[in-house]
Amino acid sequence: LLTIVDTPGFGDAVDNSNCWQPVIDYIDSKFEDYLNAESRVNRRQMPDNRVQCCLYFIAPSGHGLKPLDIEFMKRLHEKVNIIPLIAKADTLTPEECQQFKKQIMKEIQEHKIKIYEFPETDDEEENKIVKKIKDRLPLAVVGSNTIIEVNGKRVRGRQYPWGVAEVENGEHCDFTILRNMLIRTHMQDLKDVTNNVHYENYRSRKLAAVTYNGVDNNKNKGQLTKSPLAQMEEERREHVAKMKKMEMEMEQVFEMKVKEKVQKLKDSEAELQRRHEQMKKNLEAQHKELEEKRRQFEDEKANWEAQQRILEQQNSSRTLEKNKKKGKIF
C-alpha cells in the first residue's frame, strides 16, 4: 500500500517563516505513534505509518533553488529521505532542464543538503540503474489527468500547439524512473533507511529526554540528545584525527630511526675507511722496510761474493806460487 500525503498551500504565504514546521510535526507524530506502538505489550499488530520519503517539488524557474527550498530541505534532511523533483518540467526546453538540474545539484552540494543516497550493490545491472537515476537527479516530472490519443495509442499527457508532452515517456520526463524507484527498485531501501537512521535518531533523542529515577535527563540535553549518526560521525572524525596523529608520530619516529641508521652507517663507513687507510699505511711501511732489508741483503750478498772472489783469486795465486817453487826444487 502506497500512501501519499499532500501539503497544499506550502510556501504560498507572504511570510513563510517556519512554514516547514507542520511538515516536521507530522513526520515526528508518525515516529511518535510507532514508538508508542513499540512500547506496548502486544506488538503483533504495529501499523507502520512513518513517512518513508519526501518528494520535494522545485519550481521550474531555471535560476536554481530559492531560499525557502534550501531552508526546508536543510530542516528535514535529518528526518526523512528527500528526493528533489523539478515540477512542471514541460515548461523548460531539454537544454534548459539539463542546465537547471546541474545548478540545483551544485547548490545542494554547496549547502550540504543530504538528499536520499541511492545504495550501490554487487549486481552490475542494479548499479547501472542506480547510475542512470543519479545522472538524472533531480528528476524532472510532468503531471496530467488528461488521456490523449497519440499514434493510435491512448496516453496520459498534455496537449500543446507544438505537440504532446507524455507523462510516461522517458524522453519527455523522468516520471517512469520515479515511479519504478518508489514502488519497485528502492522501496525497501527507503524503508530501511527510515527505520535504521531517521527513526533511530528520533527514538534516541526521545529516550534520552525521558526522566529516569527522578532525574531529568533534559538537563544534560546537549550531551544525551545527540543524534547517533552525529555521534558516530564525531567519533569517526576523532578516530581519523587520532589515526593521523599516530601516523605522523610513526613517520617522525621512522624518520628519526632512519636518520640514526644512516648516521651509524656513515660512522661505520668512516671507521672502515680510516682502518683501511691505516692498514694501507702499515702495509706500505712494511713494504718499504722489506725493500730496505732486501736491498741491504743484496748489498751484503754482493760484498760477500766480491770477497769470496778475491779470496779465491788469492788462493789460486798462492797455489801457483807453491807449484812454481816445487818445480824449482826438483
Protein backbone atom coordinates (compact mmCIF):
# COMPACT_ATOMS: atom_id res chain seq x y z
CA LEU A 1 0.00 0.00 0.00
CA LEU A 2 1.47 3.32 -1.12
CA THR A 3 0.18 6.32 0.84
CA ILE A 4 0.84 9.84 -0.42
CA VAL A 5 0.34 12.87 1.82
CA ASP A 6 -0.10 16.21 0.08
CA THR A 7 0.87 19.58 1.59
CA PRO A 8 -1.34 22.12 -0.20
CA GLY A 9 -0.50 25.77 0.32
CA PHE A 10 3.09 25.18 1.36
CA GLY A 11 5.18 28.29 0.70
CA ASP A 12 2.24 30.31 -0.67
CA ALA A 13 2.01 32.73 2.27
CA VAL A 14 3.50 36.22 2.27
CA ASP A 15 5.52 35.32 5.38
CA ASN A 16 6.84 31.76 5.06
CA SER A 17 8.70 31.75 8.37
CA ASN A 18 8.51 28.29 9.92
CA CYS A 19 6.21 27.07 7.15
CA TRP A 20 8.08 23.77 7.33
CA GLN A 21 7.07 23.20 10.97
CA PRO A 22 3.72 21.48 10.19
CA VAL A 23 5.58 19.02 7.96
CA ILE A 24 8.16 18.35 10.69
CA ASP A 25 5.40 17.93 13.27
CA TYR A 26 3.60 15.46 11.01
CA ILE A 27 6.76 13.37 10.49
CA ASP A 28 7.52 13.42 14.23
CA SER A 29 3.93 12.47 15.08
CA LYS A 30 4.20 9.35 12.90
CA PHE A 31 7.50 8.48 14.57
CA GLU A 32 5.83 9.01 17.96
CA ASP A 33 2.92 6.73 17.02
CA TYR A 34 5.33 3.99 16.01
CA LEU A 35 7.40 4.45 19.18
CA ASN A 36 4.26 4.14 21.32
CA ALA A 37 3.23 1.02 19.41
CA GLU A 38 6.68 -0.47 20.05
CA SER A 39 6.28 0.21 23.77
CA ARG A 40 3.07 -1.80 24.08
CA VAL A 41 2.94 -5.32 25.45
CA ASN A 42 1.10 -6.63 22.38
CA ARG A 43 3.14 -5.60 19.35
CA ARG A 44 1.84 -8.12 16.87
CA GLN A 45 -0.19 -5.51 15.03
CA MET A 46 2.00 -2.47 14.52
CA PRO A 47 0.84 -0.30 11.63
CA ASP A 48 3.83 1.46 10.07
CA ASN A 49 2.64 4.92 9.03
CA ARG A 50 6.06 6.53 9.22
CA VAL A 51 7.00 8.88 6.39
CA GLN A 52 9.48 6.94 4.28
CA CYS A 53 10.17 9.59 1.64
CA CYS A 54 9.62 13.28 0.92
CA LEU A 55 9.17 14.30 -2.71
CA TYR A 56 10.18 17.95 -2.76
CA PHE A 57 8.96 19.73 -5.88
CA ILE A 58 11.11 22.61 -7.11
CA ALA A 59 9.53 25.33 -9.22
CA PRO A 60 10.92 25.35 -12.80
CA SER A 61 12.36 28.85 -12.56
CA GLY A 62 15.59 27.91 -14.31
CA HIS A 63 17.59 30.01 -11.81
CA GLY A 64 18.33 27.47 -9.08
CA LEU A 65 16.93 26.91 -5.60
CA LYS A 66 15.00 29.55 -3.70
CA PRO A 67 15.96 30.34 -0.08
CA LEU A 68 12.78 28.56 1.05
CA ASP A 69 13.79 25.41 -0.85
CA ILE A 70 17.21 25.41 0.79
CA GLU A 71 15.88 26.05 4.30
CA PHE A 72 13.11 23.44 4.00
CA MET A 73 15.44 20.67 2.85
CA LYS A 74 18.04 21.55 5.50
CA ARG A 75 15.34 21.38 8.18
CA LEU A 76 14.08 17.99 7.03
CA HIS A 77 17.12 16.13 5.68
CA GLU A 78 17.86 14.61 9.13
CA LYS A 79 14.27 13.37 9.49
CA VAL A 80 13.26 11.90 6.14
CA ASN A 81 14.61 10.71 2.80
CA ILE A 82 14.42 13.73 0.50
CA ILE A 83 14.12 13.24 -3.26
CA PRO A 84 14.20 16.58 -5.12
CA LEU A 85 11.98 16.87 -8.19
CA ILE A 86 11.57 19.55 -10.84
CA ALA A 87 7.85 20.23 -11.18
CA LYS A 88 6.16 21.14 -14.48
CA ALA A 89 9.26 20.13 -16.43
CA ASP A 90 7.36 20.58 -19.70
CA THR A 91 7.75 24.36 -19.28
CA LEU A 92 11.51 24.00 -19.87
CA THR A 93 13.36 23.07 -23.04
CA PRO A 94 15.61 19.98 -22.77
CA GLU A 95 18.71 22.20 -22.68
CA GLU A 96 17.20 24.46 -20.00
CA CYS A 97 16.12 21.44 -17.97
CA GLN A 98 19.59 19.89 -18.07
CA GLN A 99 21.25 23.15 -17.06
CA PHE A 100 18.68 23.65 -14.29
CA LYS A 101 19.44 20.17 -12.93
CA LYS A 102 23.17 20.91 -12.79
CA GLN A 103 22.53 24.19 -10.99
CA ILE A 104 20.27 22.54 -8.41
CA MET A 105 22.73 19.73 -7.65
CA LYS A 106 25.54 22.27 -7.35
CA GLU A 107 23.56 24.31 -4.80
CA ILE A 108 22.55 21.16 -2.89
CA GLN A 109 26.22 20.26 -2.51
CA GLU A 110 27.22 23.82 -1.61
CA HIS A 111 24.62 23.97 1.19
CA LYS A 112 25.45 20.41 2.35
CA ILE A 113 21.88 19.23 1.96
CA LYS A 114 21.58 15.47 2.46
CA ILE A 115 19.28 14.05 -0.17
CA TYR A 116 18.50 10.34 -0.48
CA GLU A 117 21.64 8.35 -1.30
CA PHE A 118 21.00 5.52 -3.72
CA PRO A 119 22.81 2.40 -2.47
CA GLU A 120 25.36 0.60 -4.60
CA THR A 121 25.28 -3.19 -4.88
CA ASP A 122 27.40 -6.00 -6.27
CA ASP A 123 24.93 -6.50 -9.12
CA GLU A 124 26.11 -4.71 -12.27
CA GLU A 125 22.58 -4.37 -13.65
CA GLU A 126 21.33 -2.71 -10.46
CA ASN A 127 24.35 -0.41 -10.41
CA LYS A 128 23.55 0.64 -13.97
CA ILE A 129 20.00 1.53 -12.88
CA VAL A 130 21.33 3.47 -9.88
CA LYS A 131 23.84 5.34 -12.06
CA LYS A 132 21.08 6.20 -14.53
CA ILE A 133 18.97 7.66 -11.72
CA LYS A 134 21.89 9.58 -10.19
CA ASP A 135 22.81 11.08 -13.54
CA ARG A 136 19.26 12.42 -13.93
CA LEU A 137 18.87 13.95 -10.47
CA PRO A 138 16.89 15.96 -9.66
CA LEU A 139 14.19 14.10 -11.57
CA ALA A 140 12.09 16.28 -13.87
CA VAL A 141 8.41 15.25 -13.89
CA VAL A 142 5.23 16.19 -15.71
CA GLY A 143 1.75 15.59 -14.31
CA SER A 144 -1.55 15.25 -16.12
CA ASN A 145 -5.00 13.66 -15.69
CA THR A 146 -5.81 14.00 -19.37
CA ILE A 147 -5.85 10.97 -21.67
CA ILE A 148 -4.73 11.84 -25.21
CA GLU A 149 -4.57 9.65 -28.30
CA VAL A 150 -1.13 9.68 -29.94
CA ASN A 151 -0.41 7.49 -32.98
CA GLY A 152 -3.36 5.28 -32.17
CA LYS A 153 -2.35 4.87 -28.52
CA ARG A 154 -4.09 6.40 -25.52
CA VAL A 155 -1.51 8.08 -23.30
CA ARG A 156 -1.56 10.38 -20.30
CA GLY A 157 -0.10 13.76 -21.18
CA ARG A 158 -0.51 17.41 -22.01
CA GLN A 159 -1.54 18.75 -25.40
CA TYR A 160 0.32 21.77 -26.75
CA PRO A 161 0.25 23.51 -30.13
CA TRP A 162 3.72 22.15 -30.81
CA GLY A 163 2.91 18.58 -29.74
CA VAL A 164 2.19 16.33 -26.77
CA ALA A 165 4.20 16.02 -23.53
CA GLU A 166 3.68 12.41 -22.45
CA VAL A 167 3.87 11.68 -18.73
CA GLU A 168 5.12 8.11 -19.16
CA ASN A 169 7.57 8.79 -21.98
CA GLY A 170 11.18 8.67 -20.74
CA GLU A 171 12.24 11.07 -23.48
CA HIS A 172 9.79 13.71 -22.24
CA CYS A 173 10.27 13.48 -18.45
CA ASP A 174 11.58 11.27 -15.61
CA PHE A 175 8.21 10.15 -14.23
CA THR A 176 8.73 6.47 -15.07
CA ILE A 177 12.10 6.48 -13.29
CA LEU A 178 10.47 8.00 -10.20
CA ARG A 179 7.59 5.51 -10.27
CA ASN A 180 9.86 2.48 -10.66
CA MET A 181 12.14 3.72 -7.93
CA LEU A 182 9.35 4.30 -5.41
CA ILE A 183 7.32 1.13 -5.91
CA ARG A 184 9.84 -1.34 -7.35
CA THR A 185 13.58 -0.93 -7.08
CA HIS A 186 14.18 1.24 -3.98
CA MET A 187 11.04 0.96 -1.85
CA GLN A 188 12.64 -1.41 0.66
CA ASP A 189 15.82 0.64 0.92
CA LEU A 190 13.78 3.78 1.63
CA LYS A 191 12.04 1.88 4.44
CA ASP A 192 15.34 0.55 5.78
CA VAL A 193 16.98 3.99 5.84
CA THR A 194 13.91 5.45 7.55
CA ASN A 195 13.88 2.70 10.18
CA ASN A 196 17.62 2.38 10.79
CA VAL A 197 18.61 6.04 10.51
CA HIS A 198 15.85 8.63 10.80
CA TYR A 199 13.58 6.74 13.21
CA GLU A 200 16.52 5.60 15.34
CA ASN A 201 17.68 9.22 15.60
CA TYR A 202 14.21 10.28 16.75
CA ARG A 203 13.94 7.32 19.14
CA SER A 204 17.36 8.03 20.67
CA ARG A 205 16.56 11.70 21.19
CA LYS A 206 13.21 10.77 22.70
CA LEU A 207 14.60 8.16 25.08
CA ALA A 208 17.47 10.41 26.09
CA ALA A 209 14.99 13.10 27.13
CA VAL A 210 12.93 10.79 29.39
CA THR A 211 13.07 11.41 33.15
CA TYR A 212 14.67 8.40 34.80
CA ASN A 213 14.62 7.76 38.61
CA GLY A 214 13.53 11.32 39.24
CA VAL A 215 16.46 12.80 37.31
CA ASP A 216 15.52 14.92 34.31
CA ASN A 217 17.91 13.99 31.55
CA ASN A 218 16.98 17.19 29.72
CA LYS A 219 19.48 18.93 31.99
CA ASN A 220 22.16 17.15 30.03
CA LYS A 221 20.28 17.54 26.78
CA GLY A 222 23.24 18.87 24.90
CA GLN A 223 25.09 15.65 25.54
CA LEU A 224 22.37 12.99 25.66
CA THR A 225 20.11 14.06 22.83
CA LYS A 226 22.90 13.94 20.31
CA SER A 227 21.92 12.08 17.18
CA PRO A 228 23.52 8.61 16.97
CA LEU A 229 24.62 9.42 13.44
CA ALA A 230 26.11 12.72 14.60
CA GLN A 231 27.80 10.94 17.49
CA MET A 232 29.14 8.25 15.15
CA GLU A 233 30.37 10.94 12.76
CA GLU A 234 32.05 12.79 15.65
CA GLU A 235 33.67 9.56 16.87
CA ARG A 236 34.75 8.80 13.31
CA ARG A 237 36.34 12.25 12.99
CA GLU A 238 38.09 11.80 16.35
CA HIS A 239 39.30 8.36 15.27
CA VAL A 240 40.56 9.73 11.94
CA ALA A 241 42.32 12.60 13.73
CA LYS A 242 43.84 10.14 16.21
CA MET A 243 44.99 7.87 13.39
CA LYS A 244 46.52 10.84 11.53
CA LYS A 245 48.32 11.91 14.71
CA MET A 246 49.61 8.36 15.26
CA GLU A 247 50.64 8.19 11.62
CA MET A 248 52.55 11.47 11.92
CA GLU A 249 54.22 10.29 15.13
CA MET A 250 55.15 6.98 13.49
CA GLU A 251 56.53 8.84 10.48
CA GLN A 252 58.58 11.07 12.79
CA VAL A 253 59.90 8.05 14.70
CA PHE A 254 60.61 6.28 11.41
CA GLU A 255 62.46 9.32 10.04
CA MET A 256 64.44 9.59 13.28
CA LYS A 257 65.32 5.88 13.15
CA VAL A 258 66.30 6.21 9.50
CA LYS A 259 68.50 9.21 10.30
CA GLU A 260 70.11 7.32 13.19
CA LYS A 261 70.69 4.30 10.96
CA VAL A 262 72.11 6.46 8.18
CA GLN A 263 74.39 8.21 10.67
CA LYS A 264 75.55 4.85 12.05
CA LEU A 265 76.24 3.64 8.54
CA LYS A 266 78.17 6.83 7.79
CA ASP A 267 80.15 6.44 11.03
CA SER A 268 80.84 2.78 10.24
CA GLU A 269 81.88 3.72 6.73
CA ALA A 270 84.19 6.43 8.06
CA GLU A 271 85.67 3.99 10.59
CA LEU A 272 86.21 1.36 7.91
CA GLN A 273 87.79 3.96 5.66
CA ARG A 274 90.06 5.06 8.50
CA ARG A 275 91.07 1.46 9.19
CA HIS A 276 91.64 0.87 5.50
CA GLU A 277 93.90 3.90 5.27
CA GLN A 278 95.76 2.83 8.41
CA MET A 279 96.22 -0.72 7.12
CA LYS A 280 97.34 0.68 3.78
CA LYS A 281 99.92 2.88 5.50
CA ASN A 282 101.10 -0.05 7.63
CA LEU A 283 101.43 -2.26 4.57
CA GLU A 284 103.32 0.45 2.71
CA ALA A 285 105.65 0.88 5.69
CA GLN A 286 106.20 -2.88 5.91
CA HIS A 287 106.80 -2.98 2.17
CA LYS A 288 109.40 -0.21 2.44
CA GLU A 289 111.03 -1.97 5.37
CA LEU A 290 111.18 -5.25 3.46
CA GLU A 291 112.54 -3.47 0.40
CA GLU A 292 115.18 -1.85 2.55
CA LYS A 293 116.12 -5.19 4.10
CA ARG A 294 116.19 -6.82 0.68
CA ARG A 295 118.45 -4.05 -0.62
CA GLN A 296 120.76 -4.45 2.38
CA PHE A 297 120.75 -8.20 1.85
CA GLU A 298 121.60 -7.74 -1.83
CA ASP A 299 124.43 -5.36 -0.89
CA GLU A 300 125.77 -7.76 1.73
CA LYS A 301 125.48 -10.63 -0.72
CA ALA A 302 127.33 -8.66 -3.41
CA ASN A 303 130.07 -7.73 -0.90
CA TRP A 304 130.37 -11.31 0.29
CA GLU A 305 130.56 -12.62 -3.26
CA ALA A 306 133.19 -10.00 -4.09
CA GLN A 307 135.22 -11.03 -1.03
CA GLN A 308 134.85 -14.69 -1.99
CA ARG A 309 136.16 -13.96 -5.47
CA ILE A 310 139.11 -12.07 -4.02
CA LEU A 311 139.84 -14.95 -1.64
CA GLU A 312 139.59 -17.46 -4.45
CA GLN A 313 141.97 -15.36 -6.56
CA GLN A 314 144.39 -15.10 -3.65
CA ASN A 315 144.19 -18.85 -3.03
CA SER A 316 144.78 -19.51 -6.73
CA SER A 317 147.81 -17.21 -6.73
CA ARG A 318 149.27 -18.91 -3.67
CA THR A 319 148.73 -22.33 -5.18
CA LEU A 320 150.54 -21.30 -8.37
CA GLU A 321 153.44 -19.86 -6.42
CA LYS A 322 153.75 -23.05 -4.40
CA ASN A 323 153.69 -25.12 -7.54
CA LYS A 324 156.40 -22.94 -9.10
CA LYS A 325 158.58 -23.29 -6.03
CA LYS A 326 158.19 -27.06 -6.08
CA GLY A 327 159.28 -27.14 -9.74
CA LYS A 328 162.41 -25.23 -8.99
CA ILE A 329 163.34 -27.60 -6.22
CA PHE A 330 163.01 -30.67 -8.36
